[in-house]
Amino acid sequence: MVRALTGVVGVIRWGYYNAVAVEGYTITRTGGTYTLVARVVPGLINALNLSMRPLVFVTPFLWEGRQVEWTWPILEDCTIREGEIRVRVGAPDAWRQGGDDGLPRGTAGDNPDRARGRRMDPH
């Protein structure tokens, strides 16, 4: 069975640094394999950061009324072809429960600065 998740915005990050911003994505799951297909935002591509490891795909979502992030580890090299990235990703990290606040791991609950609204990415 093929399952798909689609969304409007996301970003591929290396640490706290953005590598590529995307404006529309689909993540499909076939068996145990997840695949990300995303349209890149022209002009918001950092080739150096995209060449670094580890990379994660991050997309925001509301969880119990709070803005948090859902993350997928990227498992292979990213290549942009005709304005699109197609890459294999790991299982989402957001479903793993975080600390005492009950937020999923990899969300604002893990980072007190982000929870206070401070910007972590200097770009």
PDB file of N, CA and C in Angstrom:
ATOM      1  N   MET A   1       0.829  -1.173   0.000  1.00  0.00           N
ATOM      2  CA  MET A   1       0.000   0.000   0.000  1.00  0.00           C
ATOM      3  C   MET A   1       0.883   1.249   0.000  1.00  0.00           C
ATOM      4  N   VAL A   2       0.552   2.200  -0.844  1.00  0.00           N
ATOM      5  CA  VAL A   2       1.286   3.462  -0.935  1.00  0.00           C
ATOM      6  C   VAL A   2       0.525   4.511  -0.135  1.00  0.00           C
ATOM      7  N   ARG A   3       1.244   5.183   0.745  1.00  0.00           N
ATOM      8  CA  ARG A   3       0.659   6.274   1.525  1.00  0.00           C
ATOM      9  C   ARG A   3       1.402   7.545   1.186  1.00  0.00           C
ATOM     10  N   ALA A   4       0.693   8.677   1.167  1.00  0.00           N
ATOM     11  CA  ALA A   4       1.332   9.939   0.798  1.00  0.00           C
ATOM     12  C   ALA A   4       0.925  11.053   1.751  1.00  0.00           C
ATOM     13  N   LEU A   5       1.866  11.946   1.996  1.00  0.00           N
ATOM     14  CA  LEU A   5       1.653  13.151   2.784  1.00  0.00           C
ATOM     15  C   LEU A   5       2.097  14.306   1.903  1.00  0.00           C
ATOM     16  N   THR A   6       1.241  15.299   1.731  1.00  0.00           N
ATOM     17  CA  THR A   6       1.608  16.466   0.928  1.00  0.00           C
ATOM     18  C   THR A   6       1.572  17.707   1.805  1.00  0.00           C
ATOM     19  N   GLY A   7       2.380  18.684   1.438  1.00  0.00           N
ATOM     20  CA  GLY A   7       2.413  19.934   2.184  1.00  0.00           C
ATOM     21  C   GLY A   7       2.880  21.081   1.322  1.00  0.00           C
ATOM     22  N   VAL A   8       2.827  22.271   1.885  1.00  0.00           N
ATOM     23  CA  VAL A   8       3.120  23.484   1.134  1.00  0.00           C
ATOM     24  C   VAL A   8       4.538  23.982   1.355  1.00  0.00           C
ATOM     25  N   VAL A   9       5.004  24.037   2.605  1.00  0.00           N
ATOM     26  CA  VAL A   9       6.327  24.600   2.879  1.00  0.00           C
ATOM     27  C   VAL A   9       7.194  23.610   3.637  1.00  0.00           C
ATOM     28  N   GLY A  10       8.483  23.738   3.427  1.00  0.00           N
ATOM     29  CA  GLY A  10       9.453  22.912   4.136  1.00  0.00           C
ATOM     30  C   GLY A  10      10.849  23.420   3.830  1.00  0.00           C
ATOM     31  N   VAL A  11      11.827  22.819   4.487  1.00  0.00           N
ATOM     32  CA  VAL A  11      13.206  23.221   4.274  1.00  0.00           C
ATOM     33  C   VAL A  11      14.104  22.012   4.525  1.00  0.00           C
ATOM     34  N   ILE A  12      15.178  21.943   3.761  1.00  0.00           N
ATOM     35  CA  ILE A  12      16.217  20.947   4.034  1.00  0.00           C
ATOM     36  C   ILE A  12      17.290  21.676   4.810  1.00  0.00           C
ATOM     37  N   ARG A  13      17.662  21.111   5.971  1.00  0.00           N
ATOM     38  CA  ARG A  13      18.618  21.771   6.858  1.00  0.00           C
ATOM     39  C   ARG A  13      19.837  20.907   7.114  1.00  0.00           C
ATOM     40  N   TRP A  14      20.941  21.600   7.316  1.00  0.00           N
ATOM     41  CA  TRP A  14      22.150  21.004   7.854  1.00  0.00           C
ATOM     42  C   TRP A  14      22.359  21.700   9.186  1.00  0.00           C
ATOM     43  N   GLY A  15      22.145  21.010  10.279  1.00  0.00           N
ATOM     44  CA  GLY A  15      22.184  21.634  11.600  1.00  0.00           C
ATOM     45  C   GLY A  15      21.116  22.696  11.683  1.00  0.00           C
ATOM     46  N   TYR A  16      21.506  23.919  12.060  1.00  0.00           N
ATOM     47  CA  TYR A  16      20.550  25.024  12.119  1.00  0.00           C
ATOM     48  C   TYR A  16      20.502  25.817  10.816  1.00  0.00           C
ATOM     49  N   TYR A  17      21.314  25.434   9.833  1.00  0.00           N
ATOM     50  CA  TYR A  17      21.440  26.210   8.604  1.00  0.00           C
ATOM     51  C   TYR A  17      20.561  25.645   7.490  1.00  0.00           C
ATOM     52  N   ASN A  18      19.849  26.537   6.814  1.00  0.00           N
ATOM     53  CA  ASN A  18      19.025  26.118   5.688  1.00  0.00           C
ATOM     54  C   ASN A  18      19.913  25.793   4.492  1.00  0.00           C
ATOM     55  N   ALA A  19      19.572  24.700   3.818  1.00  0.00           N
ATOM     56  CA  ALA A  19      20.259  24.335   2.580  1.00  0.00           C
ATOM     57  C   ALA A  19      19.362  24.639   1.386  1.00  0.00           C
ATOM     58  N   VAL A  20      18.088  24.277   1.486  1.00  0.00           N
ATOM     59  CA  VAL A  20      17.140  24.491   0.398  1.00  0.00           C
ATOM     60  C   VAL A  20      15.756  24.726   0.999  1.00  0.00           C
ATOM     61  N   ALA A  21      15.060  25.743   0.509  1.00  0.00           N
ATOM     62  CA  ALA A  21      13.662  25.955   0.875  1.00  0.00           C
ATOM     63  C   ALA A  21      12.798  25.321  -0.212  1.00  0.00           C
ATOM     64  N   VAL A  22      11.685  24.718   0.191  1.00  0.00           N
ATOM     65  CA  VAL A  22      10.788  24.094  -0.778  1.00  0.00           C
ATOM     66  C   VAL A  22       9.392  24.698  -0.671  1.00  0.00           C
ATOM     67  N   GLU A  23       8.695  24.703  -1.791  1.00  0.00           N
ATOM     68  CA  GLU A  23       7.342  25.254  -1.852  1.00  0.00           C
ATOM     69  C   GLU A  23       6.391  24.214  -2.432  1.00  0.00           C
ATOM     70  N   GLY A  24       6.230  23.164  -1.741  1.00  0.00           N
ATOM     71  CA  GLY A  24       5.361  22.080  -2.173  1.00  0.00           C
ATOM     72  C   GLY A  24       6.135  20.779  -2.144  1.00  0.00           C
ATOM     73  N   TYR A  25       5.619  19.814  -1.414  1.00  0.00           N
ATOM     74  CA  TYR A  25       6.314  18.535  -1.298  1.00  0.00           C
ATOM     75  C   TYR A  25       5.314  17.399  -1.146  1.00  0.00           C
ATOM     76  N   THR A  26       5.781  16.219  -1.458  1.00  0.00           N
ATOM     77  CA  THR A  26       5.032  14.989  -1.223  1.00  0.00           C
ATOM     78  C   THR A  26       6.003  13.969  -0.667  1.00  0.00           C
ATOM     79  N   ILE A  27       5.597  13.324   0.418  1.00  0.00           N
ATOM     80  CA  ILE A  27       6.367  12.218   0.972  1.00  0.00           C
ATOM     81  C   ILE A  27       5.504  10.979   0.824  1.00  0.00           C
ATOM     82  N   THR A  28       6.031   9.991   0.116  1.00  0.00           N
ATOM     83  CA  THR A  28       5.296   8.746  -0.069  1.00  0.00           C
ATOM     84  C   THR A  28       5.984   7.629   0.690  1.00  0.00           C
ATOM     85  N   ARG A  29       5.178   6.691   1.142  1.00  0.00           N
ATOM     86  CA  ARG A  29       5.703   5.517   1.834  1.00  0.00           C
ATOM     87  C   ARG A  29       5.224   4.281   1.098  1.00  0.00           C
ATOM     88  N   THR A  30       6.179   3.517   0.624  1.00  0.00           N
ATOM     89  CA  THR A  30       5.895   2.248  -0.037  1.00  0.00           C
ATOM     90  C   THR A  30       6.630   1.183   0.755  1.00  0.00           C
ATOM     91  N   GLY A  31       5.875   0.327   1.422  1.00  0.00           N
ATOM     92  CA  GLY A  31       6.512  -0.633   2.316  1.00  0.00           C
ATOM     93  C   GLY A  31       7.171   0.126   3.443  1.00  0.00           C
ATOM     94  N   GLY A  32       8.456  -0.051   3.657  1.00  0.00           N
ATOM     95  CA  GLY A  32       9.182   0.672   4.693  1.00  0.00           C
ATOM     96  C   GLY A  32      10.017   1.807   4.150  1.00  0.00           C
ATOM     97  N   THR A  33       9.851   2.166   2.872  1.00  0.00           N
ATOM     98  CA  THR A  33      10.669   3.191   2.227  1.00  0.00           C
ATOM     99  C   THR A  33       9.896   4.483   2.073  1.00  0.00           C
ATOM    100  N   TYR A  34      10.489   5.585   2.533  1.00  0.00           N
ATOM    101  CA  TYR A  34       9.909   6.919   2.376  1.00  0.00           C
ATOM    102  C   TYR A  34      10.673   7.658   1.285  1.00  0.00           C
ATOM    103  N   THR A  35       9.938   8.366   0.414  1.00  0.00           N
ATOM    104  CA  THR A  35      10.547   9.153  -0.644  1.00  0.00           C
ATOM    105  C   THR A  35       9.986  10.569  -0.609  1.00  0.00           C
ATOM    106  N   LEU A  36      10.887  11.557  -0.643  1.00  0.00           N
ATOM    107  CA  LEU A  36      10.500  12.962  -0.674  1.00  0.00           C
ATOM    108  C   LEU A  36      10.666  13.484  -2.099  1.00  0.00           C
ATOM    109  N   VAL A  37       9.626  14.135  -2.600  1.00  0.00           N
ATOM    110  CA  VAL A  37       9.690  14.863  -3.870  1.00  0.00           C
ATOM    111  C   VAL A  37       9.250  16.285  -3.555  1.00  0.00           C
ATOM    112  N   ALA A  38      10.122  17.270  -3.830  1.00  0.00           N
ATOM    113  CA  ALA A  38       9.837  18.650  -3.446  1.00  0.00           C
ATOM    114  C   ALA A  38      10.282  19.617  -4.530  1.00  0.00           C
ATOM    115  N   ARG A  39       9.496  20.696  -4.712  1.00  0.00           N
ATOM    116  CA  ARG A  39       9.868  21.784  -5.618  1.00  0.00           C
ATOM    117  C   ARG A  39      10.692  22.807  -4.834  1.00  0.00           C
ATOM    118  N   VAL A  40      11.864  23.146  -5.355  1.00  0.00           N
ATOM    119  CA  VAL A  40      12.733  24.089  -4.655  1.00  0.00           C
ATOM    120  C   VAL A  40      12.330  25.524  -4.975  1.00  0.00           C
ATOM    121  N   VAL A  41      12.618  26.423  -4.047  1.00  0.00           N
ATOM    122  CA  VAL A  41      12.373  27.846  -4.249  1.00  0.00           C
ATOM    123  C   VAL A  41      13.627  28.425  -4.903  1.00  0.00           C
ATOM    124  N   PRO A  42      13.517  28.928  -6.135  1.00  0.00           N
ATOM    125  CA  PRO A  42      14.694  29.496  -6.803  1.00  0.00           C
ATOM    126  C   PRO A  42      15.280  30.636  -5.966  1.00  0.00           C
ATOM    127  N   GLY A  43      16.593  30.664  -5.860  1.00  0.00           N
ATOM    128  CA  GLY A  43      17.265  31.710  -5.107  1.00  0.00           C
ATOM    129  C   GLY A  43      17.447  31.378  -3.628  1.00  0.00           C
ATOM    130  N   LEU A  44      16.806  30.322  -3.141  1.00  0.00           N
ATOM    131  CA  LEU A  44      16.960  29.927  -1.744  1.00  0.00           C
ATOM    132  C   LEU A  44      17.634  28.565  -1.646  1.00  0.00           C
ATOM    133  N   ILE A  45      18.735  28.439  -2.388  1.00  0.00           N
ATOM    134  CA  ILE A  45      19.514  27.205  -2.418  1.00  0.00           C
ATOM    135  C   ILE A  45      20.935  27.543  -1.968  1.00  0.00           C
ATOM    136  N   ASN A  46      21.425  26.821  -0.975  1.00  0.00           N
ATOM    137  CA  ASN A  46      22.799  26.989  -0.518  1.00  0.00           C
ATOM    138  C   ASN A  46      23.524  25.685  -0.826  1.00  0.00           C
ATOM    139  N   ALA A  47      24.274  25.676  -1.917  1.00  0.00           N
ATOM    140  CA  ALA A  47      24.916  24.441  -2.391  1.00  0.00           C
ATOM    141  C   ALA A  47      25.912  23.877  -1.381  1.00  0.00           C
ATOM    142  N   LEU A  48      26.619  24.745  -0.659  1.00  0.00           N
ATOM    143  CA  LEU A  48      27.566  24.268   0.345  1.00  0.00           C
ATOM    144  C   LEU A  48      26.835  23.502   1.450  1.00  0.00           C
ATOM    145  N   ASN A  49      25.795  24.102   2.013  1.00  0.00           N
ATOM    146  CA  ASN A  49      25.040  23.423   3.067  1.00  0.00           C
ATOM    147  C   ASN A  49      24.382  22.147   2.554  1.00  0.00           C
ATOM    148  N   LEU A  50      23.950  22.149   1.306  1.00  0.00           N
ATOM    149  CA  LEU A  50      23.315  20.961   0.731  1.00  0.00           C
ATOM    150  C   LEU A  50      24.308  19.810   0.580  1.00  0.00           C
ATOM    151  N   SER A  51      25.591  20.123   0.482  1.00  0.00           N
ATOM    152  CA  SER A  51      26.605  19.072   0.336  1.00  0.00           C
ATOM    153  C   SER A  51      27.051  18.488   1.677  1.00  0.00           C
ATOM    154  N   MET A  52      26.647  19.110   2.787  1.00  0.00           N
ATOM    155  CA  MET A  52      27.049  18.659   4.116  1.00  0.00           C
ATOM    156  C   MET A  52      26.176  17.492   4.599  1.00  0.00           C
ATOM    157  N   ARG A  53      26.620  16.858   5.687  1.00  0.00           N
ATOM    158  CA  ARG A  53      25.865  15.775   6.307  1.00  0.00           C
ATOM    159  C   ARG A  53      25.899  15.946   7.808  1.00  0.00           C
ATOM    160  N   PRO A  54      24.896  15.569   8.545  1.00  0.00           N
ATOM    161  CA  PRO A  54      23.624  14.997   8.102  1.00  0.00           C
ATOM    162  C   PRO A  54      22.632  16.097   7.714  1.00  0.00           C
ATOM    163  N   LEU A  55      21.773  15.781   6.782  1.00  0.00           N
ATOM    164  CA  LEU A  55      20.700  16.677   6.360  1.00  0.00           C
ATOM    165  C   LEU A  55      19.367  16.136   6.863  1.00  0.00           C
ATOM    166  N   VAL A  56      18.434  17.041   7.120  1.00  0.00           N
ATOM    167  CA  VAL A  56      17.076  16.645   7.484  1.00  0.00           C
ATOM    168  C   VAL A  56      16.087  17.497   6.698  1.00  0.00           C
ATOM    169  N   PHE A  57      14.934  16.914   6.408  1.00  0.00           N
ATOM    170  CA  PHE A  57      13.831  17.674   5.827  1.00  0.00           C
ATOM    171  C   PHE A  57      12.908  18.050   6.974  1.00  0.00           C
ATOM    172  N   VAL A  58      12.568  19.339   7.061  1.00  0.00           N
ATOM    173  CA  VAL A  58      11.775  19.853   8.168  1.00  0.00           C
ATOM    174  C   VAL A  58      10.532  20.542   7.615  1.00  0.00           C
ATOM    175  N   THR A  59       9.391  20.252   8.216  1.00  0.00           N
ATOM    176  CA  THR A  59       8.164  20.937   7.835  1.00  0.00           C
ATOM    177  C   THR A  59       7.375  21.271   9.104  1.00  0.00           C
ATOM    178  N   PRO A  60       6.792  22.462   9.162  1.00  0.00           N
ATOM    179  CA  PRO A  60       6.029  22.839  10.351  1.00  0.00           C
ATOM    180  C   PRO A  60       4.632  22.221  10.344  1.00  0.00           C
ATOM    181  N   PHE A  61       4.098  22.004  11.530  1.00  0.00           N
ATOM    182  CA  PHE A  61       2.708  21.586  11.656  1.00  0.00           C
ATOM    183  C   PHE A  61       2.194  21.983  13.031  1.00  0.00           C
ATOM    184  N   LEU A  62       0.877  21.996  13.178  1.00  0.00           N
ATOM    185  CA  LEU A  62       0.271  22.298  14.467  1.00  0.00           C
ATOM    186  C   LEU A  62       0.025  20.997  15.215  1.00  0.00           C
ATOM    187  N   TRP A  63       0.449  20.973  16.463  1.00  0.00           N
ATOM    188  CA  TRP A  63       0.238  19.805  17.309  1.00  0.00           C
ATOM    189  C   TRP A  63      -0.338  20.302  18.615  1.00  0.00           C
ATOM    190  N   GLU A  64      -1.574  19.943  18.882  1.00  0.00           N
ATOM    191  CA  GLU A  64      -2.297  20.415  20.065  1.00  0.00           C
ATOM    192  C   GLU A  64      -2.246  21.939  20.162  1.00  0.00           C
ATOM    193  N   GLY A  65      -2.427  22.602  19.014  1.00  0.00           N
ATOM    194  CA  GLY A  65      -2.477  24.057  18.983  1.00  0.00           C
ATOM    195  C   GLY A  65      -1.135  24.759  19.041  1.00  0.00           C
ATOM    196  N   ARG A  66      -0.042  24.014  19.004  1.00  0.00           N
ATOM    197  CA  ARG A  66       1.297  24.610  19.056  1.00  0.00           C
ATOM    198  C   ARG A  66       2.031  24.350  17.752  1.00  0.00           C
ATOM    199  N   GLN A  67       2.780  25.347  17.288  1.00  0.00           N
ATOM    200  CA  GLN A  67       3.580  25.200  16.079  1.00  0.00           C
ATOM    201  C   GLN A  67       4.840  24.412  16.413  1.00  0.00           C
ATOM    202  N   VAL A  68       5.009  23.250  15.799  1.00  0.00           N
ATOM    203  CA  VAL A  68       6.182  22.411  16.014  1.00  0.00           C
ATOM    204  C   VAL A  68       6.726  21.974  14.656  1.00  0.00           C
ATOM    205  N   GLU A  69       7.794  21.201  14.650  1.00  0.00           N
ATOM    206  CA  GLU A  69       8.406  20.760  13.400  1.00  0.00           C
ATOM    207  C   GLU A  69       8.407  19.243  13.316  1.00  0.00           C
ATOM    208  N   TRP A  70       8.160  18.765  12.124  1.00  0.00           N
ATOM    209  CA  TRP A  70       8.230  17.347  11.832  1.00  0.00           C
ATOM    210  C   TRP A  70       9.489  17.148  11.002  1.00  0.00           C
ATOM    211  N   THR A  71      10.353  16.213  11.354  1.00  0.00           N
ATOM    212  CA  THR A  71      11.629  16.057  10.659  1.00  0.00           C
ATOM    213  C   THR A  71      11.808  14.646  10.125  1.00  0.00           C
ATOM    214  N   TRP A  72      12.436  14.563   8.961  1.00  0.00           N
ATOM    215  CA  TRP A  72      12.813  13.294   8.350  1.00  0.00           C
ATOM    216  C   TRP A  72      14.303  13.352   8.027  1.00  0.00           C
ATOM    217  N   PRO A  73      15.089  12.380   8.459  1.00  0.00           N
ATOM    218  CA  PRO A  73      16.506  12.364   8.067  1.00  0.00           C
ATOM    219  C   PRO A  73      16.639  12.030   6.585  1.00  0.00           C
ATOM    220  N   ILE A  74      17.525  12.713   5.893  1.00  0.00           N
ATOM    221  CA  ILE A  74      17.765  12.440   4.479  1.00  0.00           C
ATOM    222  C   ILE A  74      18.860  11.384   4.387  1.00  0.00           C
ATOM    223  N   LEU A  75      18.599  10.319   3.644  1.00  0.00           N
ATOM    224  CA  LEU A  75      19.465   9.151   3.638  1.00  0.00           C
ATOM    225  C   LEU A  75      20.434   9.073   2.471  1.00  0.00           C
ATOM    226  N   GLU A  76      20.334   9.983   1.504  1.00  0.00           N
ATOM    227  CA  GLU A  76      21.215   9.925   0.339  1.00  0.00           C
ATOM    228  C   GLU A  76      21.522  11.329  -0.157  1.00  0.00           C
ATOM    229  N   ASP A  77      22.431  11.433  -1.113  1.00  0.00           N
ATOM    230  CA  ASP A  77      22.801  12.731  -1.669  1.00  0.00           C
ATOM    231  C   ASP A  77      21.606  13.389  -2.343  1.00  0.00           C
ATOM    232  N   CYS A  78      21.493  14.704  -2.159  1.00  0.00           N
ATOM    233  CA  CYS A  78      20.414  15.483  -2.775  1.00  0.00           C
ATOM    234  C   CYS A  78      20.897  16.072  -4.089  1.00  0.00           C
ATOM    235  N   THR A  79      20.107  15.920  -5.106  1.00  0.00           N
ATOM    236  CA  THR A  79      20.401  16.509  -6.403  1.00  0.00           C
ATOM    237  C   THR A  79      19.172  17.262  -6.875  1.00  0.00           C
ATOM    238  N   ILE A  80      19.374  18.496  -7.317  1.00  0.00           N
ATOM    239  CA  ILE A  80      18.270  19.298  -7.844  1.00  0.00           C
ATOM    240  C   ILE A  80      18.255  19.138  -9.350  1.00  0.00           C
ATOM    241  N   ARG A  81      17.140  18.651  -9.873  1.00  0.00           N
ATOM    242  CA  ARG A  81      16.963  18.491 -11.318  1.00  0.00           C
ATOM    243  C   ARG A  81      15.669  19.167 -11.730  1.00  0.00           C
ATOM    244  N   GLU A  82      15.778  20.115 -12.636  1.00  0.00           N
ATOM    245  CA  GLU A  82      14.629  20.843 -13.159  1.00  0.00           C
ATOM    246  C   GLU A  82      13.768  21.416 -12.037  1.00  0.00           C
ATOM    247  N   GLY A  83      14.427  21.987 -11.017  1.00  0.00           N
ATOM    248  CA  GLY A  83      13.716  22.637  -9.927  1.00  0.00           C
ATOM    249  C   GLY A  83      13.071  21.702  -8.924  1.00  0.00           C
ATOM    250  N   GLU A  84      13.496  20.449  -8.919  1.00  0.00           N
ATOM    251  CA  GLU A  84      12.873  19.462  -8.034  1.00  0.00           C
ATOM    252  C   GLU A  84      13.933  18.587  -7.367  1.00  0.00           C
ATOM    253  N   ILE A  85      13.674  18.224  -6.123  1.00  0.00           N
ATOM    254  CA  ILE A  85      14.514  17.269  -5.395  1.00  0.00           C
ATOM    255  C   ILE A  85      13.709  15.997  -5.197  1.00  0.00           C
ATOM    256  N   ARG A  86      14.321  14.878  -5.497  1.00  0.00           N
ATOM    257  CA  ARG A  86      13.720  13.562  -5.249  1.00  0.00           C
ATOM    258  C   ARG A  86      14.766  12.766  -4.481  1.00  0.00           C
ATOM    259  N   VAL A  87      14.443  12.393  -3.221  1.00  0.00           N
ATOM    260  CA  VAL A  87      15.441  11.763  -2.356  1.00  0.00           C
ATOM    261  C   VAL A  87      14.756  10.800  -1.383  1.00  0.00           C
ATOM    262  N   ARG A  88      15.494   9.773  -0.979  1.00  0.00           N
ATOM    263  CA  ARG A  88      14.989   8.812   0.007  1.00  0.00           C
ATOM    264  C   ARG A  88      15.223   9.392   1.394  1.00  0.00           C
ATOM    265  N   VAL A  89      14.196   9.318   2.246  1.00  0.00           N
ATOM    266  CA  VAL A  89      14.294   9.832   3.614  1.00  0.00           C
ATOM    267  C   VAL A  89      13.954   8.719   4.600  1.00  0.00           C
ATOM    268  N   GLY A  90      14.380   8.904   5.843  1.00  0.00           N
ATOM    269  CA  GLY A  90      14.073   7.945   6.889  1.00  0.00           C
ATOM    270  C   GLY A  90      12.701   8.210   7.494  1.00  0.00           C
ATOM    271  N   ALA A  91      12.329   7.406   8.462  1.00  0.00           N
ATOM    272  CA  ALA A  91      11.057   7.572   9.150  1.00  0.00           C
ATOM    273  C   ALA A  91      11.027   8.911   9.883  1.00  0.00           C
ATOM    274  N   PRO A  92       9.855   9.521   9.996  1.00  0.00           N
ATOM    275  CA  PRO A  92       9.775  10.830  10.654  1.00  0.00           C
ATOM    276  C   PRO A  92      10.152  10.744  12.124  1.00  0.00           C
ATOM    277  N   ASP A  93      10.901  11.755  12.596  1.00  0.00           N
ATOM    278  CA  ASP A  93      11.319  11.806  13.997  1.00  0.00           C
ATOM    279  C   ASP A  93      10.254  12.395  14.909  1.00  0.00           C
ATOM    280  N   ALA A  94       9.274  13.087  14.364  1.00  0.00           N
ATOM    281  CA  ALA A  94       8.313  13.804  15.196  1.00  0.00           C
ATOM    282  C   ALA A  94       7.428  12.881  16.030  1.00  0.00           C
ATOM    283  N   TRP A  95       7.283  11.651  15.646  1.00  0.00           N
ATOM    284  CA  TRP A  95       6.401  10.760  16.405  1.00  0.00           C
ATOM    285  C   TRP A  95       7.051  10.244  17.667  1.00  0.00           C
ATOM    286  N   ARG A  96       8.365  10.363  17.794  1.00  0.00           N
ATOM    287  CA  ARG A  96       9.034   9.974  19.034  1.00  0.00           C
ATOM    288  C   ARG A  96       8.749  11.016  20.091  1.00  0.00           C
ATOM    289  N   GLN A  97       8.300  10.604  21.233  1.00  0.00           N
ATOM    290  CA  GLN A  97       7.932  11.556  22.281  1.00  0.00           C
ATOM    291  C   GLN A  97       9.161  12.216  22.874  1.00  0.00           C
ATOM    292  N   GLY A  98       9.027  13.486  23.148  1.00  0.00           N
ATOM    293  CA  GLY A  98      10.131  14.268  23.684  1.00  0.00           C
ATOM    294  C   GLY A  98      10.176  14.244  25.194  1.00  0.00           C
ATOM    295  N   GLY A  99      10.455  15.395  25.774  1.00  0.00           N
ATOM    296  CA  GLY A  99      10.621  15.496  27.218  1.00  0.00           C
ATOM    297  C   GLY A  99       9.307  15.538  27.966  1.00  0.00           C
ATOM    298  N   ASP A 100       9.340  16.129  29.156  1.00  0.00           N
ATOM    299  CA  ASP A 100       8.181  16.160  30.041  1.00  0.00           C
ATOM    300  C   ASP A 100       7.021  16.958  29.480  1.00  0.00           C
ATOM    301  N   ASP A 101       7.283  17.871  28.533  1.00  0.00           N
ATOM    302  CA  ASP A 101       6.197  18.680  27.989  1.00  0.00           C
ATOM    303  C   ASP A 101       5.344  17.906  26.995  1.00  0.00           C
ATOM    304  N   GLY A 102       5.761  16.682  26.628  1.00  0.00           N
ATOM    305  CA  GLY A 102       4.964  15.845  25.743  1.00  0.00           C
ATOM    306  C   GLY A 102       5.089  16.181  24.279  1.00  0.00           C
ATOM    307  N   LEU A 103       5.945  17.152  23.913  1.00  0.00           N
ATOM    308  CA  LEU A 103       6.120  17.479  22.503  1.00  0.00           C
ATOM    309  C   LEU A 103       6.949  16.401  21.833  1.00  0.00           C
ATOM    310  N   PRO A 104       6.703  16.157  20.559  1.00  0.00           N
ATOM    311  CA  PRO A 104       7.536  15.200  19.838  1.00  0.00           C
ATOM    312  C   PRO A 104       8.980  15.663  19.797  1.00  0.00           C
ATOM    313  N   ARG A 105       9.905  14.719  19.750  1.00  0.00           N
ATOM    314  CA  ARG A 105      11.329  15.029  19.665  1.00  0.00           C
ATOM    315  C   ARG A 105      11.598  15.786  18.358  1.00  0.00           C
ATOM    316  N   GLY A 106      12.564  16.693  18.397  1.00  0.00           N
ATOM    317  CA  GLY A 106      12.896  17.474  17.206  1.00  0.00           C
ATOM    318  C   GLY A 106      12.009  18.678  17.032  1.00  0.00           C
ATOM    319  N   THR A 107      11.302  19.084  18.078  1.00  0.00           N
ATOM    320  CA  THR A 107      10.378  20.206  17.970  1.00  0.00           C
ATOM    321  C   THR A 107      10.838  21.336  18.868  1.00  0.00           C
ATOM    322  N   ALA A 108      10.038  22.370  18.946  1.00  0.00           N
ATOM    323  CA  ALA A 108      10.365  23.516  19.787  1.00  0.00           C
ATOM    324  C   ALA A 108      10.526  23.111  21.247  1.00  0.00           C
ATOM    325  N   GLY A 109       9.909  22.018  21.647  1.00  0.00           N
ATOM    326  CA  GLY A 109      10.012  21.573  23.025  1.00  0.00           C
ATOM    327  C   GLY A 109      11.411  21.163  23.412  1.00  0.00           C
ATOM    328  N   ASP A 110      12.249  20.792  22.453  1.00  0.00           N
ATOM    329  CA  ASP A 110      13.621  20.399  22.728  1.00  0.00           C
ATOM    330  C   ASP A 110      14.560  21.589  22.824  1.00  0.00           C
ATOM    331  N   ASN A 111      14.129  22.753  22.394  1.00  0.00           N
ATOM    332  CA  ASN A 111      15.010  23.902  22.309  1.00  0.00           C
ATOM    333  C   ASN A 111      14.347  25.092  22.994  1.00  0.00           C
ATOM    334  N   PRO A 112      14.759  25.431  24.210  1.00  0.00           N
ATOM    335  CA  PRO A 112      14.104  26.528  24.913  1.00  0.00           C
ATOM    336  C   PRO A 112      14.210  27.861  24.181  1.00  0.00           C
ATOM    337  N   ASP A 113      15.286  28.093  23.416  1.00  0.00           N
ATOM    338  CA  ASP A 113      15.393  29.340  22.664  1.00  0.00           C
ATOM    339  C   ASP A 113      14.318  29.420  21.594  1.00  0.00           C
ATOM    340  N   ARG A 114      14.085  28.342  20.881  1.00  0.00           N
ATOM    341  CA  ARG A 114      13.066  28.357  19.838  1.00  0.00           C
ATOM    342  C   ARG A 114      11.676  28.483  20.466  1.00  0.00           C
ATOM    343  N   ALA A 115      11.458  27.842  21.595  1.00  0.00           N
ATOM    344  CA  ALA A 115      10.160  27.933  22.262  1.00  0.00           C
ATOM    345  C   ALA A 115       9.862  29.377  22.674  1.00  0.00           C
ATOM    346  N   ARG A 116      10.904  30.156  22.967  1.00  0.00           N
ATOM    347  CA  ARG A 116      10.726  31.567  23.328  1.00  0.00           C
ATOM    348  C   ARG A 116      10.626  32.461  22.096  1.00  0.00           C
ATOM    349  N   GLY A 117      10.712  31.874  20.915  1.00  0.00           N
ATOM    350  CA  GLY A 117      10.568  32.640  19.693  1.00  0.00           C
ATOM    351  C   GLY A 117      11.854  33.219  19.157  1.00  0.00           C
ATOM    352  N   ARG A 118      13.003  32.839  19.711  1.00  0.00           N
ATOM    353  CA  ARG A 118      14.269  33.334  19.189  1.00  0.00           C
ATOM    354  C   ARG A 118      14.611  32.605  17.904  1.00  0.00           C
ATOM    355  N   ARG A 119      15.150  33.335  16.963  1.00  0.00           N
ATOM    356  CA  ARG A 119      15.533  32.751  15.684  1.00  0.00           C
ATOM    357  C   ARG A 119      16.869  32.054  15.801  1.00  0.00           C
ATOM    358  N   MET A 120      16.933  30.796  15.397  1.00  0.00           N
ATOM    359  CA  MET A 120      18.164  30.045  15.489  1.00  0.00           C
ATOM    360  C   MET A 120      18.991  30.102  14.206  1.00  0.00           C
ATOM    361  N   ASP A 121      18.348  30.337  13.079  1.00  0.00           N
ATOM    362  CA  ASP A 121      19.030  30.330  11.791  1.00  0.00           C
ATOM    363  C   ASP A 121      19.439  31.770  11.454  1.00  0.00           C
ATOM    364  N   PRO A 122      20.736  32.046  11.280  1.00  0.00           N
ATOM    365  CA  PRO A 122      21.169  33.410  11.007  1.00  0.00           C
ATOM    366  C   PRO A 122      20.832  33.896   9.609  1.00  0.00           C
ATOM    367  N   HIS A 123      20.292  33.047   8.749  1.00  0.00           N
ATOM    368  CA  HIS A 123      19.988  33.453   7.380  1.00  0.00           C
ATOM    369  C   HIS A 123      18.644  34.105   7.295  1.00  0.00           C
TER     370      HIS A 123
END
